[in-house]
Amino acid sequence: MEAIMTLKTTEECEKFFVDICSADELTKISRRVQIAKLIIEGKTYRSILEETNASNITISRIKNVLSKDDSVLAEVVKRI
């Protein structure tokens, strides 16, 4: 986490994650943020499944995270 906090630009952040994560890991992270956005927008499980091809378990996990009062994911999604 300390390493991430030292990143100064979006470009630097992107390059860091490309260096440290596999393509599959980056895809999963991106998909989870997309799922969070769709949940916050009020989309149904079915439409999220169709749009993201994610599993019910992943959607449920993200929904549980978003339901917490101190969810940082919810704050981040609202910012973007």
C-alpha atoms as a PDB file:
ATOM      1  CA  MET A   1       0.000   0.000   0.000  1.00  0.00           C
ATOM      2  CA  GLU A   2       2.874   2.349   0.724  1.00  0.00           C
ATOM      3  CA  ALA A   3       4.179   1.799  -2.810  1.00  0.00           C
ATOM      4  CA  ILE A   4       0.797   2.710  -4.311  1.00  0.00           C
ATOM      5  CA  MET A   5       0.640   5.866  -2.205  1.00  0.00           C
ATOM      6  CA  THR A   6       3.903   7.079  -3.794  1.00  0.00           C
ATOM      7  CA  LEU A   7       2.447   7.098  -7.322  1.00  0.00           C
ATOM      8  CA  LYS A   8       2.029  10.638  -8.601  1.00  0.00           C
ATOM      9  CA  THR A   9       0.145  10.468 -11.917  1.00  0.00           C
ATOM     10  CA  THR A  10      -2.479   8.335 -13.603  1.00  0.00           C
ATOM     11  CA  GLU A  11       0.117   7.298 -16.177  1.00  0.00           C
ATOM     12  CA  GLU A  12       2.574   6.243 -13.468  1.00  0.00           C
ATOM     13  CA  CYS A  13      -0.184   4.319 -11.687  1.00  0.00           C
ATOM     14  CA  GLU A  14      -1.151   2.520 -14.897  1.00  0.00           C
ATOM     15  CA  LYS A  15       2.436   1.553 -15.651  1.00  0.00           C
ATOM     16  CA  PHE A  16       2.949   0.327 -12.085  1.00  0.00           C
ATOM     17  CA  PHE A  17      -0.086  -1.957 -12.217  1.00  0.00           C
ATOM     18  CA  VAL A  18       0.854  -3.247 -15.668  1.00  0.00           C
ATOM     19  CA  ASP A  19       4.306  -4.065 -14.271  1.00  0.00           C
ATOM     20  CA  ILE A  20       3.034  -5.795 -11.150  1.00  0.00           C
ATOM     21  CA  CYS A  21      -0.204  -7.477 -12.288  1.00  0.00           C
ATOM     22  CA  SER A  22      -0.934 -10.043 -14.942  1.00  0.00           C
ATOM     23  CA  ALA A  23      -3.337  -9.160 -17.743  1.00  0.00           C
ATOM     24  CA  ASP A  24      -5.915 -11.441 -16.097  1.00  0.00           C
ATOM     25  CA  GLU A  25      -5.543  -9.681 -12.745  1.00  0.00           C
ATOM     26  CA  LEU A  26      -5.972  -6.269 -14.362  1.00  0.00           C
ATOM     27  CA  THR A  27      -9.083  -7.490 -16.154  1.00  0.00           C
ATOM     28  CA  LYS A  28     -10.552  -8.810 -12.898  1.00  0.00           C
ATOM     29  CA  ILE A  29      -9.872  -5.561 -11.045  1.00  0.00           C
ATOM     30  CA  SER A  30     -11.398  -3.528 -13.863  1.00  0.00           C
ATOM     31  CA  ARG A  31     -14.445  -5.803 -14.025  1.00  0.00           C
ATOM     32  CA  ARG A  32     -15.005  -5.503 -10.264  1.00  0.00           C
ATOM     33  CA  VAL A  33     -14.964  -1.712 -10.448  1.00  0.00           C
ATOM     34  CA  GLN A  34     -17.389  -1.888 -13.388  1.00  0.00           C
ATOM     35  CA  ILE A  35     -19.668  -4.199 -11.367  1.00  0.00           C
ATOM     36  CA  ALA A  36     -19.590  -1.779  -8.434  1.00  0.00           C
ATOM     37  CA  LYS A  37     -20.547   1.075 -10.749  1.00  0.00           C
ATOM     38  CA  LEU A  38     -23.469  -0.899 -12.170  1.00  0.00           C
ATOM     39  CA  ILE A  39     -24.693  -1.879  -8.692  1.00  0.00           C
ATOM     40  CA  ILE A  40     -24.558   1.748  -7.542  1.00  0.00           C
ATOM     41  CA  GLU A  41     -26.530   2.700 -10.674  1.00  0.00           C
ATOM     42  CA  GLY A  42     -29.238   0.240  -9.551  1.00  0.00           C
ATOM     43  CA  LYS A  43     -28.776  -2.333 -12.309  1.00  0.00           C
ATOM     44  CA  THR A  44     -30.214  -5.816 -11.770  1.00  0.00           C
ATOM     45  CA  TYR A  45     -28.123  -8.942 -11.256  1.00  0.00           C
ATOM     46  CA  ARG A  46     -29.259 -10.189 -14.644  1.00  0.00           C
ATOM     47  CA  SER A  47     -28.192  -7.061 -16.508  1.00  0.00           C
ATOM     48  CA  ILE A  48     -24.848  -7.029 -14.661  1.00  0.00           C
ATOM     49  CA  LEU A  49     -24.310 -10.694 -15.564  1.00  0.00           C
ATOM     50  CA  GLU A  50     -25.062  -9.978 -19.210  1.00  0.00           C
ATOM     51  CA  GLU A  51     -22.900  -6.855 -19.375  1.00  0.00           C
ATOM     52  CA  THR A  52     -19.858  -8.130 -17.470  1.00  0.00           C
ATOM     53  CA  ASN A  53     -20.026 -11.907 -17.770  1.00  0.00           C
ATOM     54  CA  ALA A  54     -19.179 -12.037 -14.048  1.00  0.00           C
ATOM     55  CA  SER A  55     -20.315 -14.798 -11.735  1.00  0.00           C
ATOM     56  CA  ASN A  56     -23.134 -14.419  -9.225  1.00  0.00           C
ATOM     57  CA  ILE A  57     -20.551 -14.903  -6.476  1.00  0.00           C
ATOM     58  CA  THR A  58     -18.451 -11.968  -7.689  1.00  0.00           C
ATOM     59  CA  ILE A  59     -21.475  -9.708  -8.035  1.00  0.00           C
ATOM     60  CA  SER A  60     -22.693 -10.709  -4.570  1.00  0.00           C
ATOM     61  CA  ARG A  61     -19.246 -10.109  -3.059  1.00  0.00           C
ATOM     62  CA  ILE A  62     -19.061  -6.623  -4.572  1.00  0.00           C
ATOM     63  CA  LYS A  63     -22.610  -5.851  -3.431  1.00  0.00           C
ATOM     64  CA  ASN A  64     -21.691  -6.869   0.127  1.00  0.00           C
ATOM     65  CA  VAL A  65     -18.618  -4.634   0.068  1.00  0.00           C
ATOM     66  CA  LEU A  66     -20.689  -1.694  -1.166  1.00  0.00           C
ATOM     67  CA  SER A  67     -23.275  -2.193   1.584  1.00  0.00           C
ATOM     68  CA  LYS A  68     -20.723  -1.457   4.314  1.00  0.00           C
ATOM     69  CA  ASP A  69     -20.854   2.060   5.735  1.00  0.00           C
ATOM     70  CA  ASP A  70     -17.090   2.444   5.387  1.00  0.00           C
ATOM     71  CA  SER A  71     -16.799   1.072   1.841  1.00  0.00           C
ATOM     72  CA  VAL A  72     -13.880   2.738   0.099  1.00  0.00           C
ATOM     73  CA  LEU A  73     -14.899   1.048  -3.149  1.00  0.00           C
ATOM     74  CA  ALA A  74     -18.208   2.927  -3.084  1.00  0.00           C
ATOM     75  CA  GLU A  75     -16.393   6.228  -2.533  1.00  0.00           C
ATOM     76  CA  VAL A  76     -13.934   5.559  -5.348  1.00  0.00           C
ATOM     77  CA  VAL A  77     -16.689   4.609  -7.799  1.00  0.00           C
ATOM     78  CA  LYS A  78     -18.623   7.764  -6.916  1.00  0.00           C
ATOM     79  CA  ARG A  79     -15.488   9.837  -7.614  1.00  0.00           C
ATOM     80  CA  ILE A  80     -15.060   8.411 -11.096  1.00  0.00           C
END
